[in-house]
Amino acid sequence: MNLFTEIFLYAIMHGIVEVNGLPIYVLRNYFERILFFKWAAVHFLNCAINGGMSMANKIETRVEQLMSDILAGTEFELIDTEFVKEKEWYLRVFVDKKGGVDLDDCQMLSEKLGKLLDKETMIAAPYILEVSSPGLERVLKKDRDFVREAGKTVEVSLYAPIDGKKSFVGKLKSRDENFLYLEEIEPIPREKISQVRLYIEF
């Protein structure tokens, strides 16, 4: 029983049949409709957000598969992919190789990926494809990132302070299901970490 039904029953029990000239049952129906549409709007929004995130994950996974085929047997390494909504939809692919990638590398890989994506039907919305280097201060996300960058200095940002600090800088040792391990620093719980990126000291 919702709040408006309780009010309706209370009004009937106390002989209240109308409010400001409106029958009490009309008011009850009106407010119950408000509750329904509010619930429907929230439900629709949640479905849209979750569905959008799920679709973005599927697109990223498929693009990783396509890029793995493109890069097989080459000196390039796929670092990360992301499909995100900013003002426009962006499909970003980050690649690297020993000595770094240049503009010609990015253009060549973009053209190859673009031809494959033209044959796919999974991306319905218009989007901008970007292929680039992840940069010096790249963000580490996947397990392979932490394996590849072990021994390098990273900066760990936290959601909330640990021992009064919201970030730590240290040499990366490893990561498991529960903790991130840095040299000479206590293990950091993964659920408290907002971001890990390579740290470049200038």
N, C-alpha and C. Protein backbone atom coordinates (compact mmCIF):
# COMPACT_ATOMS: atom_id res chain seq x y z
N MET A 1 0.86 -1.20 0.00
CA MET A 1 0.00 0.00 0.00
C MET A 1 0.89 1.24 0.00
N ASN A 2 0.65 2.16 -0.99
CA ASN A 2 1.48 3.35 -1.04
C ASN A 2 0.88 4.47 -0.19
N LEU A 3 1.61 5.57 -0.09
CA LEU A 3 1.22 6.68 0.77
C LEU A 3 -0.13 7.26 0.38
N PHE A 4 -0.38 7.42 -0.92
CA PHE A 4 -1.62 8.06 -1.35
C PHE A 4 -2.84 7.17 -1.10
N THR A 5 -2.66 5.85 -1.18
CA THR A 5 -3.75 4.95 -0.83
C THR A 5 -4.10 5.07 0.64
N GLU A 6 -3.07 5.19 1.50
CA GLU A 6 -3.31 5.36 2.93
C GLU A 6 -4.05 6.67 3.21
N ILE A 7 -3.64 7.73 2.52
CA ILE A 7 -4.32 9.02 2.70
C ILE A 7 -5.77 8.92 2.25
N PHE A 8 -6.00 8.23 1.12
CA PHE A 8 -7.34 8.06 0.58
C PHE A 8 -8.23 7.34 1.60
N LEU A 9 -7.74 6.23 2.17
CA LEU A 9 -8.52 5.48 3.15
C LEU A 9 -8.79 6.31 4.41
N TYR A 10 -7.78 7.08 4.82
CA TYR A 10 -7.95 7.95 5.99
C TYR A 10 -9.05 8.97 5.73
N ALA A 11 -9.04 9.55 4.52
CA ALA A 11 -10.05 10.56 4.18
C ALA A 11 -11.44 9.97 4.19
N ILE A 12 -11.60 8.76 3.60
CA ILE A 12 -12.91 8.11 3.55
C ILE A 12 -13.41 7.81 4.96
N MET A 13 -12.51 7.31 5.82
CA MET A 13 -12.89 6.96 7.20
C MET A 13 -13.33 8.19 7.97
N HIS A 14 -12.81 9.36 7.62
CA HIS A 14 -13.14 10.58 8.34
C HIS A 14 -14.14 11.46 7.58
N GLY A 15 -14.79 10.87 6.60
CA GLY A 15 -15.86 11.57 5.91
C GLY A 15 -15.42 12.65 4.94
N ILE A 16 -14.14 12.65 4.56
CA ILE A 16 -13.66 13.63 3.60
C ILE A 16 -13.86 13.07 2.20
N VAL A 17 -14.70 13.73 1.39
CA VAL A 17 -15.01 13.20 0.06
C VAL A 17 -14.46 14.09 -1.06
N GLU A 18 -14.05 15.32 -0.72
CA GLU A 18 -13.48 16.17 -1.76
C GLU A 18 -12.51 17.17 -1.14
N VAL A 19 -11.60 17.69 -1.98
CA VAL A 19 -10.64 18.70 -1.56
C VAL A 19 -10.65 19.79 -2.63
N ASN A 20 -10.92 21.01 -2.20
CA ASN A 20 -11.01 22.14 -3.15
C ASN A 20 -11.90 21.83 -4.34
N GLY A 21 -12.99 21.14 -4.05
CA GLY A 21 -13.97 20.87 -5.10
C GLY A 21 -13.69 19.63 -5.93
N LEU A 22 -12.54 18.98 -5.71
CA LEU A 22 -12.22 17.77 -6.46
C LEU A 22 -12.53 16.54 -5.62
N PRO A 23 -13.25 15.56 -6.19
CA PRO A 23 -13.52 14.32 -5.45
C PRO A 23 -12.21 13.66 -5.03
N ILE A 24 -12.22 13.07 -3.84
CA ILE A 24 -11.00 12.50 -3.29
C ILE A 24 -10.45 11.38 -4.16
N TYR A 25 -11.36 10.60 -4.83
CA TYR A 25 -10.86 9.50 -5.66
C TYR A 25 -10.14 10.02 -6.90
N VAL A 26 -10.53 11.21 -7.38
CA VAL A 26 -9.84 11.81 -8.53
C VAL A 26 -8.42 12.19 -8.13
N LEU A 27 -8.29 12.77 -6.93
CA LEU A 27 -6.96 13.13 -6.45
C LEU A 27 -6.08 11.89 -6.27
N ARG A 28 -6.70 10.84 -5.77
CA ARG A 28 -5.93 9.60 -5.58
C ARG A 28 -5.39 9.09 -6.92
N ASN A 29 -6.26 9.02 -7.93
CA ASN A 29 -5.82 8.56 -9.25
C ASN A 29 -4.72 9.46 -9.81
N TYR A 30 -4.88 10.77 -9.60
CA TYR A 30 -3.91 11.73 -10.11
C TYR A 30 -2.52 11.49 -9.52
N PHE A 31 -2.48 11.37 -8.17
CA PHE A 31 -1.19 11.18 -7.52
C PHE A 31 -0.58 9.82 -7.81
N GLU A 32 -1.42 8.79 -7.97
CA GLU A 32 -0.88 7.48 -8.31
C GLU A 32 -0.28 7.48 -9.71
N ARG A 33 -0.86 8.26 -10.61
CA ARG A 33 -0.29 8.39 -11.94
C ARG A 33 1.08 9.09 -11.88
N ILE A 34 1.16 10.09 -11.00
CA ILE A 34 2.45 10.78 -10.83
C ILE A 34 3.51 9.78 -10.35
N LEU A 35 3.15 8.95 -9.37
CA LEU A 35 4.07 7.94 -8.87
C LEU A 35 4.50 6.98 -9.97
N PHE A 36 3.53 6.56 -10.79
CA PHE A 36 3.84 5.61 -11.86
C PHE A 36 4.81 6.22 -12.86
N PHE A 37 4.51 7.44 -13.32
CA PHE A 37 5.37 8.06 -14.33
C PHE A 37 6.77 8.36 -13.77
N LYS A 38 6.83 8.70 -12.46
CA LYS A 38 8.13 8.91 -11.84
C LYS A 38 8.93 7.61 -11.83
N TRP A 39 8.27 6.51 -11.46
CA TRP A 39 8.93 5.20 -11.47
C TRP A 39 9.36 4.83 -12.87
N ALA A 40 8.47 5.05 -13.87
CA ALA A 40 8.78 4.70 -15.25
C ALA A 40 9.97 5.48 -15.77
N ALA A 41 10.03 6.78 -15.41
CA ALA A 41 11.14 7.62 -15.87
C ALA A 41 12.47 7.14 -15.29
N VAL A 42 12.47 6.83 -13.99
CA VAL A 42 13.69 6.34 -13.34
C VAL A 42 14.10 5.01 -13.94
N HIS A 43 13.12 4.12 -14.14
CA HIS A 43 13.42 2.80 -14.70
C HIS A 43 13.99 2.93 -16.11
N PHE A 44 13.38 3.80 -16.93
CA PHE A 44 13.86 4.01 -18.29
C PHE A 44 15.28 4.57 -18.29
N LEU A 45 15.55 5.53 -17.40
CA LEU A 45 16.88 6.13 -17.33
C LEU A 45 17.92 5.10 -16.93
N ASN A 46 17.61 4.27 -15.94
CA ASN A 46 18.55 3.23 -15.52
C ASN A 46 18.84 2.25 -16.64
N CYS A 47 17.78 1.87 -17.37
CA CYS A 47 17.97 0.93 -18.48
C CYS A 47 18.82 1.56 -19.57
N ALA A 48 18.58 2.84 -19.83
CA ALA A 48 19.34 3.53 -20.88
C ALA A 48 20.81 3.62 -20.50
N ILE A 49 21.09 3.97 -19.23
CA ILE A 49 22.48 4.09 -18.78
C ILE A 49 23.17 2.74 -18.81
N ASN A 50 22.52 1.72 -18.22
CA ASN A 50 23.14 0.41 -18.16
C ASN A 50 23.28 -0.20 -19.55
N GLY A 51 22.27 0.01 -20.38
CA GLY A 51 22.32 -0.50 -21.74
C GLY A 51 23.42 0.17 -22.53
N GLY A 52 23.58 1.50 -22.33
CA GLY A 52 24.62 2.24 -23.04
C GLY A 52 26.00 1.78 -22.63
N MET A 53 26.18 1.56 -21.32
CA MET A 53 27.47 1.09 -20.84
C MET A 53 27.77 -0.30 -21.38
N SER A 54 26.74 -1.17 -21.40
CA SER A 54 26.94 -2.51 -21.89
C SER A 54 27.31 -2.49 -23.37
N MET A 55 26.62 -1.64 -24.14
CA MET A 55 26.92 -1.55 -25.57
C MET A 55 28.33 -1.02 -25.80
N ALA A 56 28.73 -0.02 -25.02
CA ALA A 56 30.08 0.53 -25.14
C ALA A 56 31.12 -0.56 -24.86
N ASN A 57 30.87 -1.39 -23.86
CA ASN A 57 31.80 -2.47 -23.54
C ASN A 57 31.88 -3.48 -24.68
N LYS A 58 30.73 -3.78 -25.29
CA LYS A 58 30.71 -4.73 -26.40
C LYS A 58 31.49 -4.17 -27.59
N ILE A 59 31.31 -2.87 -27.85
CA ILE A 59 32.01 -2.24 -28.97
C ILE A 59 33.52 -2.26 -28.71
N GLU A 60 33.92 -1.91 -27.49
CA GLU A 60 35.35 -1.91 -27.16
C GLU A 60 35.95 -3.30 -27.32
N THR A 61 35.21 -4.32 -26.88
CA THR A 61 35.70 -5.69 -27.01
C THR A 61 35.85 -6.09 -28.47
N ARG A 62 34.86 -5.74 -29.28
CA ARG A 62 34.92 -6.08 -30.70
C ARG A 62 36.07 -5.34 -31.40
N VAL A 63 36.26 -4.08 -31.06
CA VAL A 63 37.34 -3.31 -31.67
C VAL A 63 38.69 -3.89 -31.27
N GLU A 64 38.81 -4.36 -30.03
CA GLU A 64 40.06 -5.00 -29.61
C GLU A 64 40.33 -6.25 -30.45
N GLN A 65 39.28 -7.00 -30.76
CA GLN A 65 39.44 -8.19 -31.60
C GLN A 65 39.93 -7.81 -33.00
N LEU A 66 39.31 -6.77 -33.56
CA LEU A 66 39.70 -6.32 -34.90
C LEU A 66 41.14 -5.82 -34.91
N MET A 67 41.50 -5.03 -33.88
CA MET A 67 42.86 -4.49 -33.83
C MET A 67 43.88 -5.59 -33.59
N SER A 68 43.52 -6.60 -32.83
CA SER A 68 44.45 -7.72 -32.60
C SER A 68 44.78 -8.41 -33.91
N ASP A 69 43.76 -8.54 -34.78
CA ASP A 69 44.00 -9.15 -36.09
C ASP A 69 44.90 -8.25 -36.94
N ILE A 70 44.65 -6.94 -36.88
CA ILE A 70 45.45 -6.00 -37.67
C ILE A 70 46.91 -6.00 -37.22
N LEU A 71 47.12 -6.06 -35.91
CA LEU A 71 48.47 -5.92 -35.36
C LEU A 71 49.24 -7.23 -35.28
N ALA A 72 48.55 -8.34 -35.54
CA ALA A 72 49.21 -9.65 -35.45
C ALA A 72 50.43 -9.70 -36.36
N GLY A 73 51.57 -10.09 -35.80
CA GLY A 73 52.78 -10.22 -36.58
C GLY A 73 53.50 -8.91 -36.84
N THR A 74 53.03 -7.81 -36.23
CA THR A 74 53.70 -6.52 -36.40
C THR A 74 54.42 -6.14 -35.12
N GLU A 75 55.10 -5.02 -35.14
CA GLU A 75 55.80 -4.54 -33.95
C GLU A 75 54.90 -3.72 -33.04
N PHE A 76 53.65 -3.51 -33.48
CA PHE A 76 52.73 -2.68 -32.69
C PHE A 76 52.08 -3.50 -31.58
N GLU A 77 51.71 -2.80 -30.51
CA GLU A 77 51.00 -3.41 -29.39
C GLU A 77 49.75 -2.59 -29.10
N LEU A 78 48.63 -3.28 -28.95
CA LEU A 78 47.39 -2.61 -28.56
C LEU A 78 47.43 -2.33 -27.06
N ILE A 79 47.27 -1.06 -26.70
CA ILE A 79 47.31 -0.67 -25.29
C ILE A 79 45.90 -0.59 -24.69
N ASP A 80 44.99 0.05 -25.39
CA ASP A 80 43.65 0.21 -24.84
C ASP A 80 42.68 0.68 -25.92
N THR A 81 41.39 0.48 -25.67
CA THR A 81 40.34 1.05 -26.52
C THR A 81 39.28 1.64 -25.62
N GLU A 82 38.60 2.67 -26.09
CA GLU A 82 37.48 3.23 -25.35
C GLU A 82 36.47 3.83 -26.32
N PHE A 83 35.20 3.60 -26.03
CA PHE A 83 34.10 4.18 -26.80
C PHE A 83 33.31 5.04 -25.83
N VAL A 84 33.44 6.37 -25.96
CA VAL A 84 32.89 7.27 -24.95
C VAL A 84 32.09 8.39 -25.60
N LYS A 85 31.11 8.89 -24.84
CA LYS A 85 30.28 10.00 -25.29
C LYS A 85 30.76 11.27 -24.64
N GLU A 86 31.22 12.19 -25.46
CA GLU A 86 31.55 13.53 -24.98
C GLU A 86 30.54 14.45 -25.66
N LYS A 87 30.95 15.44 -26.43
CA LYS A 87 29.96 16.15 -27.25
C LYS A 87 29.53 15.23 -28.39
N GLU A 88 30.47 14.44 -28.87
CA GLU A 88 30.21 13.42 -29.89
C GLU A 88 30.66 12.08 -29.32
N TRP A 89 30.30 11.00 -30.03
CA TRP A 89 30.83 9.69 -29.68
C TRP A 89 32.25 9.58 -30.23
N TYR A 90 33.16 9.11 -29.39
CA TYR A 90 34.55 8.91 -29.80
C TYR A 90 34.94 7.45 -29.60
N LEU A 91 35.53 6.88 -30.65
CA LEU A 91 36.14 5.57 -30.54
C LEU A 91 37.64 5.79 -30.58
N ARG A 92 38.28 5.60 -29.43
CA ARG A 92 39.71 5.86 -29.31
C ARG A 92 40.46 4.54 -29.17
N VAL A 93 41.52 4.43 -29.95
CA VAL A 93 42.37 3.23 -29.92
C VAL A 93 43.80 3.69 -29.64
N PHE A 94 44.40 3.11 -28.62
CA PHE A 94 45.76 3.50 -28.22
C PHE A 94 46.72 2.35 -28.54
N VAL A 95 47.75 2.67 -29.30
CA VAL A 95 48.74 1.66 -29.70
C VAL A 95 50.14 2.18 -29.40
N ASP A 96 51.07 1.24 -29.35
CA ASP A 96 52.46 1.63 -29.08
C ASP A 96 53.39 0.64 -29.76
N LYS A 97 54.65 0.99 -29.85
CA LYS A 97 55.69 0.11 -30.34
C LYS A 97 57.01 0.60 -29.79
N LYS A 98 58.02 -0.23 -29.86
CA LYS A 98 59.33 0.17 -29.39
C LYS A 98 59.81 1.39 -30.17
N GLY A 99 60.17 2.44 -29.46
CA GLY A 99 60.56 3.68 -30.11
C GLY A 99 59.42 4.65 -30.30
N GLY A 100 58.19 4.16 -30.03
CA GLY A 100 57.03 5.04 -30.11
C GLY A 100 56.39 5.05 -31.50
N VAL A 101 55.12 5.44 -31.55
CA VAL A 101 54.40 5.53 -32.81
C VAL A 101 54.43 6.97 -33.31
N ASP A 102 54.35 7.14 -34.63
CA ASP A 102 54.31 8.48 -35.19
C ASP A 102 52.99 8.69 -35.93
N LEU A 103 52.83 9.85 -36.54
CA LEU A 103 51.58 10.21 -37.20
C LEU A 103 51.26 9.25 -38.34
N ASP A 104 52.28 8.86 -39.11
CA ASP A 104 52.05 7.94 -40.22
C ASP A 104 51.54 6.58 -39.73
N ASP A 105 52.10 6.11 -38.62
CA ASP A 105 51.64 4.85 -38.03
C ASP A 105 50.16 4.94 -37.68
N CYS A 106 49.79 6.02 -37.02
CA CYS A 106 48.42 6.19 -36.56
C CYS A 106 47.46 6.29 -37.74
N GLN A 107 47.86 7.00 -38.78
CA GLN A 107 47.01 7.15 -39.96
C GLN A 107 46.82 5.81 -40.67
N MET A 108 47.90 5.05 -40.80
CA MET A 108 47.83 3.75 -41.45
C MET A 108 46.92 2.79 -40.71
N LEU A 109 47.07 2.75 -39.38
CA LEU A 109 46.24 1.85 -38.57
C LEU A 109 44.79 2.32 -38.55
N SER A 110 44.58 3.63 -38.55
CA SER A 110 43.22 4.17 -38.57
C SER A 110 42.50 3.77 -39.85
N GLU A 111 43.20 3.84 -40.97
CA GLU A 111 42.60 3.47 -42.25
C GLU A 111 42.25 1.98 -42.29
N LYS A 112 43.14 1.15 -41.78
CA LYS A 112 42.87 -0.29 -41.76
C LYS A 112 41.68 -0.63 -40.87
N LEU A 113 41.65 -0.03 -39.68
CA LEU A 113 40.55 -0.28 -38.77
C LEU A 113 39.25 0.27 -39.33
N GLY A 114 39.32 1.47 -39.92
CA GLY A 114 38.13 2.09 -40.48
C GLY A 114 37.47 1.22 -41.54
N LYS A 115 38.27 0.56 -42.39
CA LYS A 115 37.72 -0.30 -43.43
C LYS A 115 36.98 -1.49 -42.82
N LEU A 116 37.54 -2.04 -41.74
CA LEU A 116 36.87 -3.16 -41.07
C LEU A 116 35.59 -2.71 -40.38
N LEU A 117 35.64 -1.53 -39.76
CA LEU A 117 34.46 -1.03 -39.05
C LEU A 117 33.32 -0.70 -40.01
N ASP A 118 33.68 -0.32 -41.25
CA ASP A 118 32.64 -0.02 -42.25
C ASP A 118 31.80 -1.25 -42.57
N LYS A 119 32.38 -2.43 -42.34
CA LYS A 119 31.65 -3.68 -42.61
C LYS A 119 30.84 -4.15 -41.40
N GLU A 120 31.08 -3.50 -40.26
CA GLU A 120 30.38 -3.87 -39.03
C GLU A 120 29.10 -3.06 -38.90
N THR A 121 28.14 -3.59 -38.15
CA THR A 121 26.86 -2.88 -37.94
C THR A 121 26.60 -2.58 -36.47
N MET A 122 27.62 -2.79 -35.62
CA MET A 122 27.37 -2.67 -34.18
C MET A 122 27.32 -1.22 -33.71
N ILE A 123 27.94 -0.28 -34.45
CA ILE A 123 27.95 1.12 -34.01
C ILE A 123 26.92 1.88 -34.84
N ALA A 124 25.77 2.14 -34.23
CA ALA A 124 24.68 2.79 -34.96
C ALA A 124 24.85 4.31 -35.01
N ALA A 125 25.41 4.89 -33.96
CA ALA A 125 25.53 6.35 -33.88
C ALA A 125 26.77 6.83 -34.62
N PRO A 126 26.73 8.06 -35.15
CA PRO A 126 27.95 8.64 -35.75
C PRO A 126 29.03 8.77 -34.68
N TYR A 127 30.28 8.55 -35.08
CA TYR A 127 31.38 8.61 -34.12
C TYR A 127 32.65 9.10 -34.81
N ILE A 128 33.61 9.48 -34.00
CA ILE A 128 34.91 9.93 -34.49
C ILE A 128 35.94 8.89 -34.07
N LEU A 129 36.68 8.37 -35.05
CA LEU A 129 37.71 7.37 -34.78
C LEU A 129 39.06 8.06 -34.58
N GLU A 130 39.71 7.75 -33.47
CA GLU A 130 41.04 8.28 -33.19
C GLU A 130 41.99 7.14 -32.84
N VAL A 131 43.10 7.07 -33.55
CA VAL A 131 44.16 6.10 -33.23
C VAL A 131 45.39 6.91 -32.84
N SER A 132 45.92 6.64 -31.66
CA SER A 132 47.04 7.46 -31.18
C SER A 132 47.89 6.69 -30.17
N SER A 133 48.99 7.33 -29.78
CA SER A 133 49.83 6.81 -28.71
C SER A 133 49.15 7.08 -27.38
N PRO A 134 49.32 6.22 -26.40
CA PRO A 134 48.71 6.45 -25.09
C PRO A 134 49.38 7.56 -24.30
N GLY A 135 50.53 8.04 -24.76
CA GLY A 135 51.22 9.12 -24.05
C GLY A 135 52.13 8.60 -22.96
N LEU A 136 52.96 9.48 -22.45
CA LEU A 136 53.94 9.09 -21.44
C LEU A 136 53.29 8.74 -20.11
N GLU A 137 52.24 9.50 -19.75
CA GLU A 137 51.59 9.27 -18.45
C GLU A 137 50.31 8.45 -18.65
N ARG A 138 50.44 7.34 -19.33
CA ARG A 138 49.28 6.53 -19.67
C ARG A 138 48.60 5.95 -18.44
N VAL A 139 47.30 5.77 -18.54
CA VAL A 139 46.52 5.16 -17.46
C VAL A 139 46.59 3.65 -17.61
N LEU A 140 46.79 2.95 -16.49
CA LEU A 140 46.82 1.50 -16.49
C LEU A 140 45.45 0.98 -16.08
N LYS A 141 44.87 0.12 -16.90
CA LYS A 141 43.51 -0.38 -16.63
C LYS A 141 43.45 -1.90 -16.57
N LYS A 142 43.96 -2.52 -17.60
CA LYS A 142 43.80 -3.97 -17.74
C LYS A 142 44.95 -4.71 -17.06
N ASP A 143 44.72 -6.00 -16.80
CA ASP A 143 45.74 -6.81 -16.14
C ASP A 143 47.06 -6.78 -16.91
N ARG A 144 46.95 -6.82 -18.25
CA ARG A 144 48.17 -6.85 -19.06
C ARG A 144 48.98 -5.56 -18.90
N ASP A 145 48.28 -4.44 -18.60
CA ASP A 145 48.99 -3.18 -18.39
C ASP A 145 49.91 -3.28 -17.17
N PHE A 146 49.39 -3.89 -16.11
CA PHE A 146 50.16 -3.98 -14.87
C PHE A 146 51.32 -4.98 -15.00
N VAL A 147 51.14 -5.99 -15.83
CA VAL A 147 52.23 -6.93 -16.09
C VAL A 147 53.32 -6.24 -16.91
N ARG A 148 52.89 -5.54 -17.95
CA ARG A 148 53.84 -4.89 -18.86
C ARG A 148 54.64 -3.80 -18.18
N GLU A 149 53.99 -3.04 -17.30
CA GLU A 149 54.65 -1.88 -16.70
C GLU A 149 55.25 -2.17 -15.33
N ALA A 150 55.30 -3.42 -14.92
CA ALA A 150 55.91 -3.77 -13.63
C ALA A 150 57.35 -3.27 -13.58
N GLY A 151 57.71 -2.67 -12.44
CA GLY A 151 59.04 -2.11 -12.27
C GLY A 151 59.11 -0.63 -12.59
N LYS A 152 58.07 -0.10 -13.21
CA LYS A 152 58.06 1.33 -13.53
C LYS A 152 57.37 2.11 -12.40
N THR A 153 57.64 3.41 -12.34
CA THR A 153 57.04 4.26 -11.32
C THR A 153 55.63 4.67 -11.75
N VAL A 154 54.68 4.52 -10.82
CA VAL A 154 53.29 4.87 -11.10
C VAL A 154 52.76 5.81 -10.02
N GLU A 155 51.73 6.54 -10.38
CA GLU A 155 51.01 7.36 -9.41
C GLU A 155 49.63 6.77 -9.21
N VAL A 156 49.28 6.51 -7.96
CA VAL A 156 48.00 5.90 -7.63
C VAL A 156 47.11 6.95 -6.97
N SER A 157 45.96 7.26 -7.58
CA SER A 157 45.01 8.21 -7.01
C SER A 157 43.89 7.43 -6.32
N LEU A 158 43.45 7.95 -5.18
CA LEU A 158 42.47 7.25 -4.35
C LEU A 158 41.15 8.01 -4.29
N TYR A 159 40.07 7.27 -4.01
CA TYR A 159 38.77 7.89 -3.80
C TYR A 159 38.73 8.63 -2.47
N ALA A 160 39.39 8.06 -1.47
CA ALA A 160 39.42 8.64 -0.13
C ALA A 160 40.82 8.44 0.46
N PRO A 161 41.25 9.32 1.35
CA PRO A 161 42.61 9.24 1.89
C PRO A 161 42.88 7.94 2.66
N ILE A 162 44.10 7.47 2.55
CA ILE A 162 44.63 6.39 3.39
C ILE A 162 45.80 6.98 4.15
N ASP A 163 45.70 6.95 5.47
CA ASP A 163 46.73 7.57 6.32
C ASP A 163 46.96 9.03 5.94
N GLY A 164 45.87 9.71 5.60
CA GLY A 164 45.94 11.13 5.28
C GLY A 164 46.42 11.47 3.89
N LYS A 165 46.65 10.46 3.04
CA LYS A 165 47.14 10.71 1.68
C LYS A 165 46.13 10.22 0.65
N LYS A 166 45.90 11.05 -0.40
CA LYS A 166 44.98 10.67 -1.47
C LYS A 166 45.71 10.18 -2.71
N SER A 167 47.01 10.10 -2.66
CA SER A 167 47.76 9.55 -3.78
C SER A 167 49.10 9.00 -3.28
N PHE A 168 49.61 8.03 -4.01
CA PHE A 168 50.90 7.43 -3.69
C PHE A 168 51.71 7.31 -4.99
N VAL A 169 53.01 7.49 -4.87
CA VAL A 169 53.92 7.31 -6.01
C VAL A 169 54.95 6.27 -5.60
N GLY A 170 55.11 5.26 -6.44
CA GLY A 170 56.09 4.22 -6.14
C GLY A 170 56.27 3.29 -7.30
N LYS A 171 57.23 2.38 -7.18
CA LYS A 171 57.49 1.42 -8.24
C LYS A 171 56.47 0.29 -8.19
N LEU A 172 55.89 0.01 -9.34
CA LEU A 172 54.86 -1.01 -9.44
C LEU A 172 55.46 -2.41 -9.32
N LYS A 173 54.88 -3.21 -8.43
CA LYS A 173 55.31 -4.60 -8.30
C LYS A 173 54.31 -5.52 -9.01
N SER A 174 53.05 -5.49 -8.58
CA SER A 174 52.04 -6.36 -9.18
C SER A 174 50.65 -5.95 -8.71
N ARG A 175 49.66 -6.65 -9.22
CA ARG A 175 48.27 -6.44 -8.81
C ARG A 175 47.57 -7.78 -8.81
N ASP A 176 46.75 -8.02 -7.77
CA ASP A 176 45.92 -9.21 -7.75
C ASP A 176 44.46 -8.80 -7.62
N GLU A 177 43.60 -9.74 -7.26
CA GLU A 177 42.17 -9.44 -7.21
C GLU A 177 41.81 -8.41 -6.15
N ASN A 178 42.62 -8.29 -5.12
CA ASN A 178 42.27 -7.44 -3.98
C ASN A 178 43.17 -6.23 -3.78
N PHE A 179 44.45 -6.35 -4.15
CA PHE A 179 45.39 -5.29 -3.79
C PHE A 179 46.30 -4.91 -4.97
N LEU A 180 46.79 -3.67 -4.89
CA LEU A 180 47.86 -3.20 -5.76
C LEU A 180 49.11 -3.12 -4.90
N TYR A 181 50.24 -3.61 -5.45
CA TYR A 181 51.46 -3.66 -4.66
C TYR A 181 52.51 -2.73 -5.26
N LEU A 182 53.01 -1.82 -4.42
CA LEU A 182 54.11 -0.94 -4.78
C LEU A 182 55.28 -1.21 -3.85
N GLU A 183 56.48 -0.98 -4.34
CA GLU A 183 57.65 -1.18 -3.49
C GLU A 183 57.65 -0.21 -2.32
N GLU A 184 57.95 -0.72 -1.12
CA GLU A 184 58.11 0.06 0.11
C GLU A 184 56.83 0.80 0.52
N ILE A 185 55.67 0.34 0.03
CA ILE A 185 54.37 0.92 0.40
C ILE A 185 53.42 -0.22 0.74
N GLU A 186 52.62 -0.02 1.79
CA GLU A 186 51.66 -1.05 2.18
C GLU A 186 50.70 -1.34 1.02
N PRO A 187 50.28 -2.61 0.87
CA PRO A 187 49.34 -2.95 -0.21
C PRO A 187 48.11 -2.04 -0.20
N ILE A 188 47.68 -1.60 -1.36
CA ILE A 188 46.56 -0.66 -1.47
C ILE A 188 45.32 -1.43 -1.96
N PRO A 189 44.22 -1.40 -1.20
CA PRO A 189 42.99 -2.10 -1.63
C PRO A 189 42.49 -1.54 -2.97
N ARG A 190 42.16 -2.43 -3.88
CA ARG A 190 41.76 -2.01 -5.22
C ARG A 190 40.49 -1.18 -5.23
N GLU A 191 39.57 -1.49 -4.28
CA GLU A 191 38.30 -0.75 -4.27
C GLU A 191 38.48 0.72 -3.89
N LYS A 192 39.65 1.06 -3.33
CA LYS A 192 39.91 2.44 -2.95
C LYS A 192 40.65 3.24 -4.03
N ILE A 193 41.01 2.54 -5.11
CA ILE A 193 41.81 3.18 -6.16
C ILE A 193 40.91 3.74 -7.26
N SER A 194 41.08 5.01 -7.57
CA SER A 194 40.31 5.62 -8.66
C SER A 194 41.06 5.55 -9.98
N GLN A 195 42.41 5.63 -9.92
CA GLN A 195 43.19 5.60 -11.15
C GLN A 195 44.65 5.29 -10.86
N VAL A 196 45.26 4.56 -11.80
CA VAL A 196 46.71 4.31 -11.75
C VAL A 196 47.29 4.74 -13.09
N ARG A 197 48.32 5.57 -13.05
CA ARG A 197 48.95 6.01 -14.30
C ARG A 197 50.46 6.01 -14.13
N LEU A 198 51.16 5.92 -15.26
CA LEU A 198 52.62 6.02 -15.22
C LEU A 198 53.01 7.41 -14.73
N TYR A 199 54.04 7.46 -13.94
CA TYR A 199 54.49 8.73 -13.36
C TYR A 199 55.81 9.13 -14.00
N ILE A 200 55.79 10.31 -14.59
CA ILE A 200 56.99 10.83 -15.23
C ILE A 200 57.50 12.01 -14.40
N GLU A 201 58.70 11.88 -13.91
CA GLU A 201 59.30 12.95 -13.11
C GLU A 201 60.17 13.82 -14.01
N PHE A 202 59.80 15.08 -14.12
CA PHE A 202 60.54 16.01 -14.99
C PHE A 202 61.63 16.74 -14.20
